[in-house]
Amino acid sequence: MMCAPDGHPMAVARTFKPRRRRMSQTRSAAFAELLPVFGLDVEGPPTSAEEIFERSAPVALEIGCGAGEAAIASALAE
């Protein structure tokens, strides 16, 4: 069993089957409202992290599935 950094047990995903279902009206409305605020323009030129987040700081990008163990360990190490 996986444990969180504080020692509490964490749930483990037992399947990787895609969950394909329609978006609820509430989620669809939130998506339509918030995408213009938080979405990134993927059609335009590349953008720097400083420009996206409006600050300069170290950037770490974790790609993959899981519970974010690498990101948590990295954050705790700093």
Foldseek 3Di string as FASTA:
>chain_A
DDADPVGHDDDDDPDDDDDDDDDDPVRVVCCVVCCVPQPDDPVDDDDDPCVNVVHDDDDDDDDDDDDCPVVVVVVVVD
